Amino acid sequence: MKERWIQMIAQKALLALLYEVSASPKPGLVDRFNNGAHKDMDFFTFMASSASLVNYFFKCAEEGVKYSGQNPEELFRALRGVGVEAEKGMFEATKGVNTHKGLIFSLGVICAATSCCMEENTGESVVTDTVCAKVSQMTQGLCLRELALMDKWEGLTHGEKLYKKYGLQGIRGEVESGFPTVRNCSLPALKKLKSMDTFHINDILIQTLLHLMAVNEDTNIVSRHDIETLEYVQQYSRRVLDSGGMLTPHGRQMVYAMDREFIKRNISPGGSADLLAVTVMFDLISE
C-alpha cells in the first residue's frame, strides 16, 4: 500500500513536468511549437530531462515516509544529496543543459512533504495547505542562511546576485513561505477553469501561466534583463488576461503575439513556468 502511493506521488511529479512543457504556446518558453527564447534546448530536451527525474521523485517520497514524525528540517537536509545526484542525471540526459534545476528543488521538496504528511495521516490523502505547511517547516530559515547572511561577493549564483541587487528571494522565498503565489493565485485559477468543464487542458494551463506571469517576481526574467523588463511582462500579462487570454479569440491572438515578441526580445519567464508545474502538481495531489 505504502509503495503504491509513493509511486503515485512520483508519477504525478513526472506528469506535472510533462504537462508544463507540453502546454503551448508559452510566451518565450520551450513548448511543442518552438524553443521560445532558448537556443540550447527544445521540447525533446525536456522529454529527456523529465524521464531522468522519475526515480529522483520516488526517492524523495521515500525519504518523506522515512522522516515522518521527525523534525521536518532533518527531512530537508536528507534531500540535499539526493538532489545533487538528480542534477547530475539531468545534465547527463540533456548534455549539460539546465532544464529542470529549479523544479528538482521545488518538486522534490513537495514529493517528500506529501509522502511525509500522508504517512503521518496514516495513508490518507492530504490537502494542499497541509503539504505547504510541511514544506515551510522543512525549509525554515533557508532565505536567512543562503541569502540574508550570505558573506561573499564573488562566484555568486544568479539567485544570489539578484538578492544582493534587488532583494528578490526567488524560488527560495516561494518555497520557504509554502508557495503563496501558487496557493493564492494560480491554483485557484486552475481549479476554477477545470470545474467549468468547458476548456481544453492546454488552454487552461496557458491561462494559468498568464495568471502567474502577471504577479510572479520572476528572477529568470530579471537575471536575463532587469527589473523593468519584469514589470513589462507583468503588465503585458494583465492586458492579455483582460482580453480573455486563451479563452477568447482576441486574447488567443494576443498570446501568440506575446510569444513572438518575447522570442524577439529574448524574454523567458522560466520562474513562472516552474510555478506552473508546481501548480499542476498540487492539483494532481488534491485529486
C-alpha atoms as a PDB file:
ATOM      1  CA  MET A   1       0.000   0.000   0.000  1.00  0.00           C
ATOM      2  CA  LYS A   2       2.730   2.447   1.050  1.00  0.00           C
ATOM      3  CA  GLU A   3       4.832   1.595  -2.010  1.00  0.00           C
ATOM      4  CA  ARG A   4       1.813   2.289  -4.214  1.00  0.00           C
ATOM      5  CA  TRP A   5       1.215   5.831  -3.024  1.00  0.00           C
ATOM      6  CA  ILE A   6       4.935   6.636  -3.020  1.00  0.00           C
ATOM      7  CA  GLN A   7       4.927   5.585  -6.669  1.00  0.00           C
ATOM      8  CA  MET A   8       1.782   7.626  -7.256  1.00  0.00           C
ATOM      9  CA  ILE A   9       3.434  10.789  -5.901  1.00  0.00           C
ATOM     10  CA  ALA A  10       6.462  10.277  -8.178  1.00  0.00           C
ATOM     11  CA  GLN A  11       4.225   9.715 -11.204  1.00  0.00           C
ATOM     12  CA  LYS A  12       2.283  12.908 -10.506  1.00  0.00           C
ATOM     13  CA  ALA A  13       5.537  14.887 -10.278  1.00  0.00           C
ATOM     14  CA  LEU A  14       6.622  13.496 -13.645  1.00  0.00           C
ATOM     15  CA  LEU A  15       3.208  14.298 -15.130  1.00  0.00           C
ATOM     16  CA  ALA A  16       3.493  17.874 -13.829  1.00  0.00           C
ATOM     17  CA  LEU A  17       6.753  18.266 -15.775  1.00  0.00           C
ATOM     18  CA  LEU A  18       5.222  16.824 -18.938  1.00  0.00           C
ATOM     19  CA  TYR A  19       2.080  18.975 -18.710  1.00  0.00           C
ATOM     20  CA  GLU A  20       4.152  22.126 -18.224  1.00  0.00           C
ATOM     21  CA  VAL A  21       6.411  21.657 -21.257  1.00  0.00           C
ATOM     22  CA  SER A  22       3.566  20.382 -23.456  1.00  0.00           C
ATOM     23  CA  ALA A  23       1.283  23.385 -22.903  1.00  0.00           C
ATOM     24  CA  SER A  24       1.529  25.624 -25.977  1.00  0.00           C
ATOM     25  CA  PRO A  25       2.076  28.407 -26.833  1.00  0.00           C
ATOM     26  CA  LYS A  26       4.002  29.555 -23.756  1.00  0.00           C
ATOM     27  CA  PRO A  27       5.391  33.048 -24.438  1.00  0.00           C
ATOM     28  CA  GLY A  28       9.180  32.915 -24.633  1.00  0.00           C
ATOM     29  CA  LEU A  29       9.313  29.345 -23.319  1.00  0.00           C
ATOM     30  CA  VAL A  30      10.064  25.929 -24.784  1.00  0.00           C
ATOM     31  CA  ASP A  31       6.874  24.175 -25.881  1.00  0.00           C
ATOM     32  CA  ARG A  32       5.526  21.931 -28.661  1.00  0.00           C
ATOM     33  CA  PHE A  33       5.550  24.843 -31.134  1.00  0.00           C
ATOM     34  CA  ASN A  34       9.036  26.331 -30.734  1.00  0.00           C
ATOM     35  CA  ASN A  35      12.090  26.757 -28.493  1.00  0.00           C
ATOM     36  CA  GLY A  36      10.980  30.140 -27.177  1.00  0.00           C
ATOM     37  CA  ALA A  37      13.862  32.422 -26.232  1.00  0.00           C
ATOM     38  CA  HIS A  38      16.225  29.445 -25.891  1.00  0.00           C
ATOM     39  CA  LYS A  39      18.943  28.333 -28.294  1.00  0.00           C
ATOM     40  CA  ASP A  40      20.299  25.372 -26.327  1.00  0.00           C
ATOM     41  CA  MET A  41      17.142  23.335 -25.634  1.00  0.00           C
ATOM     42  CA  ASP A  42      13.922  22.172 -27.240  1.00  0.00           C
ATOM     43  CA  PHE A  43      10.826  20.105 -26.463  1.00  0.00           C
ATOM     44  CA  PHE A  44      12.761  16.836 -26.717  1.00  0.00           C
ATOM     45  CA  THR A  45      15.468  18.084 -24.355  1.00  0.00           C
ATOM     46  CA  PHE A  46      12.709  18.486 -21.776  1.00  0.00           C
ATOM     47  CA  MET A  47      11.400  14.979 -22.508  1.00  0.00           C
ATOM     48  CA  ALA A  48      14.855  13.506 -21.835  1.00  0.00           C
ATOM     49  CA  SER A  49      15.275  15.600 -18.694  1.00  0.00           C
ATOM     50  CA  SER A  50      11.834  14.656 -17.355  1.00  0.00           C
ATOM     51  CA  ALA A  51      12.460  10.950 -17.875  1.00  0.00           C
ATOM     52  CA  SER A  52      15.726  11.197 -15.945  1.00  0.00           C
ATOM     53  CA  LEU A  53      13.945  12.515 -12.836  1.00  0.00           C
ATOM     54  CA  VAL A  54      11.243   9.939 -12.107  1.00  0.00           C
ATOM     55  CA  ASN A  55      13.491   7.868  -9.811  1.00  0.00           C
ATOM     56  CA  TYR A  56      14.513  11.039  -8.004  1.00  0.00           C
ATOM     57  CA  PHE A  57      10.895  11.901  -7.230  1.00  0.00           C
ATOM     58  CA  PHE A  58      10.371   8.344  -5.961  1.00  0.00           C
ATOM     59  CA  LYS A  59      13.405   8.657  -3.651  1.00  0.00           C
ATOM     60  CA  CYS A  60      12.161  11.999  -2.306  1.00  0.00           C
ATOM     61  CA  ALA A  61       8.782  10.433  -1.493  1.00  0.00           C
ATOM     62  CA  GLU A  62      10.582   7.538   0.213  1.00  0.00           C
ATOM     63  CA  GLU A  63      12.559   9.980   2.352  1.00  0.00           C
ATOM     64  CA  GLY A  64       9.329  11.707   3.342  1.00  0.00           C
ATOM     65  CA  VAL A  65       7.947   8.450   4.726  1.00  0.00           C
ATOM     66  CA  LYS A  66      11.216   7.687   6.495  1.00  0.00           C
ATOM     67  CA  TYR A  67      11.282  11.041   8.302  1.00  0.00           C
ATOM     68  CA  SER A  68       7.582  11.232   9.205  1.00  0.00           C
ATOM     69  CA  GLY A  69       7.033  12.352  12.783  1.00  0.00           C
ATOM     70  CA  GLN A  70      10.552  13.781  12.972  1.00  0.00           C
ATOM     71  CA  ASN A  71      11.984  17.287  12.677  1.00  0.00           C
ATOM     72  CA  PRO A  72      10.991  18.490   9.164  1.00  0.00           C
ATOM     73  CA  GLU A  73      14.337  20.285   8.802  1.00  0.00           C
ATOM     74  CA  GLU A  74      16.057  16.898   9.082  1.00  0.00           C
ATOM     75  CA  LEU A  75      13.997  15.688   6.119  1.00  0.00           C
ATOM     76  CA  PHE A  76      15.090  18.706   4.075  1.00  0.00           C
ATOM     77  CA  ARG A  77      18.744  18.023   4.876  1.00  0.00           C
ATOM     78  CA  ALA A  78      18.271  14.404   3.819  1.00  0.00           C
ATOM     79  CA  LEU A  79      17.102  15.558   0.385  1.00  0.00           C
ATOM     80  CA  ARG A  80      20.282  17.503  -0.360  1.00  0.00           C
ATOM     81  CA  GLY A  81      22.385  14.554  -1.505  1.00  0.00           C
ATOM     82  CA  VAL A  82      19.502  13.051  -3.462  1.00  0.00           C
ATOM     83  CA  GLY A  83      19.025  16.371  -5.242  1.00  0.00           C
ATOM     84  CA  VAL A  84      22.708  16.647  -6.178  1.00  0.00           C
ATOM     85  CA  GLU A  85      22.546  13.220  -7.810  1.00  0.00           C
ATOM     86  CA  ALA A  86      19.357  14.192  -9.638  1.00  0.00           C
ATOM     87  CA  GLU A  87      21.065  17.268 -11.086  1.00  0.00           C
ATOM     88  CA  LYS A  88      23.919  15.106 -12.354  1.00  0.00           C
ATOM     89  CA  GLY A  89      21.421  12.773 -14.011  1.00  0.00           C
ATOM     90  CA  MET A  90      19.596  15.712 -15.581  1.00  0.00           C
ATOM     91  CA  PHE A  91      22.799  17.179 -17.027  1.00  0.00           C
ATOM     92  CA  GLU A  92      23.770  13.784 -18.423  1.00  0.00           C
ATOM     93  CA  ALA A  93      20.363  13.419 -20.088  1.00  0.00           C
ATOM     94  CA  THR A  94      20.455  16.931 -21.568  1.00  0.00           C
ATOM     95  CA  LYS A  95      24.170  17.014 -22.468  1.00  0.00           C
ATOM     96  CA  GLY A  96      24.847  19.788 -19.997  1.00  0.00           C
ATOM     97  CA  VAL A  97      21.709  21.919 -20.404  1.00  0.00           C
ATOM     98  CA  ASN A  98      19.879  23.167 -17.295  1.00  0.00           C
ATOM     99  CA  THR A  99      16.222  22.369 -17.962  1.00  0.00           C
ATOM    100  CA  HIS A 100      14.834  21.481 -14.534  1.00  0.00           C
ATOM    101  CA  LYS A 101      17.220  22.593 -11.787  1.00  0.00           C
ATOM    102  CA  GLY A 102      14.570  24.762 -10.138  1.00  0.00           C
ATOM    103  CA  LEU A 103      11.965  22.003 -10.277  1.00  0.00           C
ATOM    104  CA  ILE A 104      14.384  19.426  -8.907  1.00  0.00           C
ATOM    105  CA  PHE A 105      14.370  21.630  -5.822  1.00  0.00           C
ATOM    106  CA  SER A 106      10.692  22.552  -5.565  1.00  0.00           C
ATOM    107  CA  LEU A 107       9.036  19.323  -6.769  1.00  0.00           C
ATOM    108  CA  GLY A 108      11.490  17.221  -4.770  1.00  0.00           C
ATOM    109  CA  VAL A 109      10.521  19.060  -1.590  1.00  0.00           C
ATOM    110  CA  ILE A 110       6.820  18.701  -2.465  1.00  0.00           C
ATOM    111  CA  CYS A 111       7.154  14.933  -3.069  1.00  0.00           C
ATOM    112  CA  ALA A 112       8.868  14.485   0.298  1.00  0.00           C
ATOM    113  CA  ALA A 113       6.412  16.727   2.140  1.00  0.00           C
ATOM    114  CA  THR A 114       3.400  14.980   0.587  1.00  0.00           C
ATOM    115  CA  SER A 115       4.525  11.467   1.498  1.00  0.00           C
ATOM    116  CA  CYS A 116       5.542  12.627   4.978  1.00  0.00           C
ATOM    117  CA  CYS A 117       2.101  14.137   5.570  1.00  0.00           C
ATOM    118  CA  MET A 118       0.374  11.033   4.199  1.00  0.00           C
ATOM    119  CA  GLU A 119       2.399   8.792   6.493  1.00  0.00           C
ATOM    120  CA  GLU A 120       1.572  10.994   9.463  1.00  0.00           C
ATOM    121  CA  ASN A 121      -2.060  10.873   8.348  1.00  0.00           C
ATOM    122  CA  THR A 122      -1.982   7.039   8.171  1.00  0.00           C
ATOM    123  CA  GLY A 123      -2.029   6.873   4.390  1.00  0.00           C
ATOM    124  CA  GLU A 124      -4.962   9.217   3.865  1.00  0.00           C
ATOM    125  CA  SER A 125      -4.798  11.915   1.193  1.00  0.00           C
ATOM    126  CA  VAL A 126      -3.788  15.382   2.371  1.00  0.00           C
ATOM    127  CA  VAL A 127      -4.873  18.882   1.339  1.00  0.00           C
ATOM    128  CA  THR A 128      -2.565  21.399  -0.318  1.00  0.00           C
ATOM    129  CA  ASP A 129      -2.374  23.687   2.724  1.00  0.00           C
ATOM    130  CA  THR A 130      -1.148  20.796   4.882  1.00  0.00           C
ATOM    131  CA  VAL A 131       1.603  19.911   2.402  1.00  0.00           C
ATOM    132  CA  CYS A 132       2.610  23.567   2.027  1.00  0.00           C
ATOM    133  CA  ALA A 133       2.828  23.964   5.801  1.00  0.00           C
ATOM    134  CA  LYS A 134       5.181  20.973   5.885  1.00  0.00           C
ATOM    135  CA  VAL A 135       7.256  22.455   3.050  1.00  0.00           C
ATOM    136  CA  SER A 136       7.565  25.695   5.009  1.00  0.00           C
ATOM    137  CA  GLN A 137       8.633  23.825   8.150  1.00  0.00           C
ATOM    138  CA  MET A 138      11.202  21.826   6.176  1.00  0.00           C
ATOM    139  CA  THR A 139      12.824  24.934   4.690  1.00  0.00           C
ATOM    140  CA  GLN A 140      12.520  27.277   7.678  1.00  0.00           C
ATOM    141  CA  GLY A 141      15.421  29.742   7.713  1.00  0.00           C
ATOM    142  CA  LEU A 142      16.520  28.918   4.166  1.00  0.00           C
ATOM    143  CA  CYS A 143      16.496  32.525   2.914  1.00  0.00           C
ATOM    144  CA  LEU A 144      18.249  33.729   6.047  1.00  0.00           C
ATOM    145  CA  ARG A 145      21.015  31.123   5.731  1.00  0.00           C
ATOM    146  CA  GLU A 146      21.560  31.260   1.981  1.00  0.00           C
ATOM    147  CA  LEU A 147      20.717  34.892   1.172  1.00  0.00           C
ATOM    148  CA  ALA A 148      20.458  37.336   4.077  1.00  0.00           C
ATOM    149  CA  LEU A 149      23.566  36.037   5.885  1.00  0.00           C
ATOM    150  CA  MET A 150      25.499  35.474   2.666  1.00  0.00           C
ATOM    151  CA  ASP A 151      29.074  36.671   3.166  1.00  0.00           C
ATOM    152  CA  LYS A 152      30.571  36.553  -0.298  1.00  0.00           C
ATOM    153  CA  TRP A 153      30.855  38.877  -3.285  1.00  0.00           C
ATOM    154  CA  GLU A 154      32.452  36.623  -5.887  1.00  0.00           C
ATOM    155  CA  GLY A 155      31.287  33.419  -7.554  1.00  0.00           C
ATOM    156  CA  LEU A 156      27.658  34.326  -6.894  1.00  0.00           C
ATOM    157  CA  THR A 157      24.807  32.336  -8.430  1.00  0.00           C
ATOM    158  CA  HIS A 158      22.127  34.184 -10.420  1.00  0.00           C
ATOM    159  CA  GLY A 159      19.796  33.975  -7.418  1.00  0.00           C
ATOM    160  CA  GLU A 160      22.412  35.369  -5.033  1.00  0.00           C
ATOM    161  CA  LYS A 161      23.203  38.265  -7.370  1.00  0.00           C
ATOM    162  CA  LEU A 162      19.534  39.195  -7.662  1.00  0.00           C
ATOM    163  CA  TYR A 163      19.084  39.126  -3.895  1.00  0.00           C
ATOM    164  CA  LYS A 164      22.058  41.445  -3.400  1.00  0.00           C
ATOM    165  CA  LYS A 165      20.880  43.836  -6.133  1.00  0.00           C
ATOM    166  CA  TYR A 166      17.089  43.800  -5.739  1.00  0.00           C
ATOM    167  CA  GLY A 167      16.290  41.843  -2.576  1.00  0.00           C
ATOM    168  CA  LEU A 168      14.486  39.178  -4.613  1.00  0.00           C
ATOM    169  CA  GLN A 169      14.308  35.823  -2.815  1.00  0.00           C
ATOM    170  CA  GLY A 170      13.211  33.851  -5.880  1.00  0.00           C
ATOM    171  CA  ILE A 171      12.237  30.220  -5.562  1.00  0.00           C
ATOM    172  CA  ARG A 172      13.838  30.002  -2.094  1.00  0.00           C
ATOM    173  CA  GLY A 173      11.375  32.562  -0.754  1.00  0.00           C
ATOM    174  CA  GLU A 174       8.438  30.940  -2.515  1.00  0.00           C
ATOM    175  CA  VAL A 175       9.268  27.513  -1.085  1.00  0.00           C
ATOM    176  CA  GLU A 176      10.044  28.718   2.445  1.00  0.00           C
ATOM    177  CA  SER A 177       6.733  30.600   2.512  1.00  0.00           C
ATOM    178  CA  GLY A 178       4.821  27.485   1.424  1.00  0.00           C
ATOM    179  CA  PHE A 179       4.198  28.542  -2.200  1.00  0.00           C
ATOM    180  CA  PRO A 180       1.897  31.537  -1.544  1.00  0.00           C
ATOM    181  CA  THR A 181       1.846  32.578  -5.215  1.00  0.00           C
ATOM    182  CA  VAL A 182       0.577  29.143  -6.170  1.00  0.00           C
ATOM    183  CA  ARG A 183      -1.933  28.835  -3.313  1.00  0.00           C
ATOM    184  CA  ASN A 184      -3.343  32.345  -3.683  1.00  0.00           C
ATOM    185  CA  CYS A 185      -3.169  32.877  -7.442  1.00  0.00           C
ATOM    186  CA  SER A 186      -2.521  30.040  -9.870  1.00  0.00           C
ATOM    187  CA  LEU A 187      -4.077  27.041  -8.132  1.00  0.00           C
ATOM    188  CA  PRO A 188      -7.481  28.717  -7.582  1.00  0.00           C
ATOM    189  CA  ALA A 189      -7.420  29.877 -11.237  1.00  0.00           C
ATOM    190  CA  LEU A 190      -6.601  26.371 -12.479  1.00  0.00           C
ATOM    191  CA  LYS A 191      -9.260  24.700 -10.355  1.00  0.00           C
ATOM    192  CA  LYS A 192     -11.912  27.233 -11.357  1.00  0.00           C
ATOM    193  CA  LEU A 193     -11.226  26.714 -15.075  1.00  0.00           C
ATOM    194  CA  LYS A 194     -11.250  22.931 -14.711  1.00  0.00           C
ATOM    195  CA  SER A 195     -14.548  22.999 -12.810  1.00  0.00           C
ATOM    196  CA  MET A 196     -16.228  24.801 -15.713  1.00  0.00           C
ATOM    197  CA  ASP A 197     -15.705  21.712 -17.896  1.00  0.00           C
ATOM    198  CA  THR A 198     -15.585  23.974 -20.959  1.00  0.00           C
ATOM    199  CA  PHE A 199     -11.949  24.490 -21.917  1.00  0.00           C
ATOM    200  CA  HIS A 200      -9.213  22.154 -23.145  1.00  0.00           C
ATOM    201  CA  ILE A 201      -6.491  21.349 -20.618  1.00  0.00           C
ATOM    202  CA  ASN A 202      -3.890  23.003 -22.860  1.00  0.00           C
ATOM    203  CA  ASP A 203      -5.739  26.336 -22.800  1.00  0.00           C
ATOM    204  CA  ILE A 204      -6.335  26.040 -19.059  1.00  0.00           C
ATOM    205  CA  LEU A 205      -2.597  25.606 -18.463  1.00  0.00           C
ATOM    206  CA  ILE A 206      -1.648  28.611 -20.609  1.00  0.00           C
ATOM    207  CA  GLN A 207      -4.302  30.727 -18.898  1.00  0.00           C
ATOM    208  CA  THR A 208      -2.905  29.659 -15.525  1.00  0.00           C
ATOM    209  CA  LEU A 209       0.597  30.575 -16.692  1.00  0.00           C
ATOM    210  CA  LEU A 210      -0.634  34.060 -17.626  1.00  0.00           C
ATOM    211  CA  HIS A 211      -2.030  34.479 -14.106  1.00  0.00           C
ATOM    212  CA  LEU A 212       1.405  33.591 -12.740  1.00  0.00           C
ATOM    213  CA  MET A 213       3.269  35.883 -15.139  1.00  0.00           C
ATOM    214  CA  ALA A 214       1.033  38.772 -14.063  1.00  0.00           C
ATOM    215  CA  VAL A 215       2.144  38.595 -10.403  1.00  0.00           C
ATOM    216  CA  ASN A 216       5.281  36.479 -10.055  1.00  0.00           C
ATOM    217  CA  GLU A 217       8.619  38.131  -9.280  1.00  0.00           C
ATOM    218  CA  ASP A 218      10.271  36.008 -11.946  1.00  0.00           C
ATOM    219  CA  THR A 219      14.002  36.014 -11.271  1.00  0.00           C
ATOM    220  CA  ASN A 220      14.673  34.302 -14.592  1.00  0.00           C
ATOM    221  CA  ILE A 221      13.445  37.427 -16.391  1.00  0.00           C
ATOM    222  CA  VAL A 222      15.392  39.798 -14.137  1.00  0.00           C
ATOM    223  CA  SER A 223      18.538  37.689 -14.472  1.00  0.00           C
ATOM    224  CA  ARG A 224      18.397  37.878 -18.274  1.00  0.00           C
ATOM    225  CA  HIS A 225      17.338  41.543 -18.339  1.00  0.00           C
ATOM    226  CA  ASP A 226      16.331  43.864 -15.484  1.00  0.00           C
ATOM    227  CA  ILE A 227      13.519  44.766 -13.111  1.00  0.00           C
ATOM    228  CA  GLU A 228      11.898  46.988 -15.745  1.00  0.00           C
ATOM    229  CA  THR A 229      11.533  44.007 -18.089  1.00  0.00           C
ATOM    230  CA  LEU A 230       9.843  42.071 -15.291  1.00  0.00           C
ATOM    231  CA  GLU A 231       7.342  44.909 -14.839  1.00  0.00           C
ATOM    232  CA  TYR A 232       6.755  44.952 -18.613  1.00  0.00           C
ATOM    233  CA  VAL A 233       5.990  41.199 -18.591  1.00  0.00           C
ATOM    234  CA  GLN A 234       3.619  41.551 -15.633  1.00  0.00           C
ATOM    235  CA  GLN A 235       1.721  44.444 -17.238  1.00  0.00           C
ATOM    236  CA  TYR A 236       1.597  42.707 -20.629  1.00  0.00           C
ATOM    237  CA  SER A 237       0.217  39.549 -18.992  1.00  0.00           C
ATOM    238  CA  ARG A 238      -2.523  41.535 -17.258  1.00  0.00           C
ATOM    239  CA  ARG A 239      -3.540  43.114 -20.566  1.00  0.00           C
ATOM    240  CA  VAL A 240      -3.762  39.699 -22.213  1.00  0.00           C
ATOM    241  CA  LEU A 241      -5.842  38.369 -19.315  1.00  0.00           C
ATOM    242  CA  ASP A 242      -8.133  41.398 -19.521  1.00  0.00           C
ATOM    243  CA  SER A 243      -8.734  40.451 -23.170  1.00  0.00           C
ATOM    244  CA  GLY A 244      -9.647  36.895 -22.199  1.00  0.00           C
ATOM    245  CA  GLY A 245      -6.297  35.207 -22.766  1.00  0.00           C
ATOM    246  CA  MET A 246      -6.650  31.710 -24.221  1.00  0.00           C
ATOM    247  CA  LEU A 247     -10.393  31.764 -23.574  1.00  0.00           C
ATOM    248  CA  THR A 248     -11.321  34.288 -26.292  1.00  0.00           C
ATOM    249  CA  PRO A 249     -10.300  34.599 -29.978  1.00  0.00           C
ATOM    250  CA  HIS A 250      -8.783  38.070 -29.479  1.00  0.00           C
ATOM    251  CA  GLY A 251      -6.987  37.056 -26.305  1.00  0.00           C
ATOM    252  CA  ARG A 252      -5.581  33.974 -28.006  1.00  0.00           C
ATOM    253  CA  GLN A 253      -4.176  36.146 -30.818  1.00  0.00           C
ATOM    254  CA  MET A 254      -2.522  38.285 -28.153  1.00  0.00           C
ATOM    255  CA  VAL A 255      -0.875  35.208 -26.600  1.00  0.00           C
ATOM    256  CA  TYR A 256       0.639  34.262 -29.966  1.00  0.00           C
ATOM    257  CA  ALA A 257       1.826  37.842 -30.481  1.00  0.00           C
ATOM    258  CA  MET A 258       3.285  37.818 -26.969  1.00  0.00           C
ATOM    259  CA  ASP A 259       5.239  34.660 -27.816  1.00  0.00           C
ATOM    260  CA  ARG A 260       6.708  36.283 -30.940  1.00  0.00           C
ATOM    261  CA  GLU A 261       7.604  39.435 -29.014  1.00  0.00           C
ATOM    262  CA  PHE A 262       9.270  37.554 -26.157  1.00  0.00           C
ATOM    263  CA  ILE A 263      11.309  35.442 -28.572  1.00  0.00           C
ATOM    264  CA  LYS A 264      12.414  38.610 -30.376  1.00  0.00           C
ATOM    265  CA  ARG A 265      13.396  40.278 -27.079  1.00  0.00           C
ATOM    266  CA  ASN A 266      14.927  37.102 -25.580  1.00  0.00           C
ATOM    267  CA  ILE A 267      12.489  37.101 -22.639  1.00  0.00           C
ATOM    268  CA  SER A 268      11.910  33.780 -20.877  1.00  0.00           C
ATOM    269  CA  PRO A 269       9.540  33.671 -17.870  1.00  0.00           C
ATOM    270  CA  GLY A 270      11.099  30.435 -16.634  1.00  0.00           C
ATOM    271  CA  GLY A 271      10.289  31.067 -12.982  1.00  0.00           C
ATOM    272  CA  SER A 272       6.587  31.256 -13.806  1.00  0.00           C
ATOM    273  CA  ALA A 273       6.888  28.092 -15.902  1.00  0.00           C
ATOM    274  CA  ASP A 274       8.314  26.297 -12.859  1.00  0.00           C
ATOM    275  CA  LEU A 275       5.424  27.530 -10.723  1.00  0.00           C
ATOM    276  CA  LEU A 276       3.006  26.261 -13.374  1.00  0.00           C
ATOM    277  CA  ALA A 277       4.463  22.775 -12.884  1.00  0.00           C
ATOM    278  CA  VAL A 278       4.145  23.203  -9.108  1.00  0.00           C
ATOM    279  CA  THR A 279       0.515  24.295  -9.576  1.00  0.00           C
ATOM    280  CA  VAL A 280      -0.228  21.202 -11.653  1.00  0.00           C
ATOM    281  CA  MET A 281       1.471  19.026  -9.028  1.00  0.00           C
ATOM    282  CA  PHE A 282      -0.728  20.375  -6.225  1.00  0.00           C
ATOM    283  CA  ASP A 283      -3.824  19.943  -8.364  1.00  0.00           C
ATOM    284  CA  LEU A 284      -2.900  16.329  -9.137  1.00  0.00           C
ATOM    285  CA  ILE A 285      -2.171  15.604  -5.479  1.00  0.00           C
ATOM    286  CA  SER A 286      -5.530  17.036  -4.424  1.00  0.00           C
ATOM    287  CA  GLU A 287      -7.265  14.603  -6.790  1.00  0.00           C
END
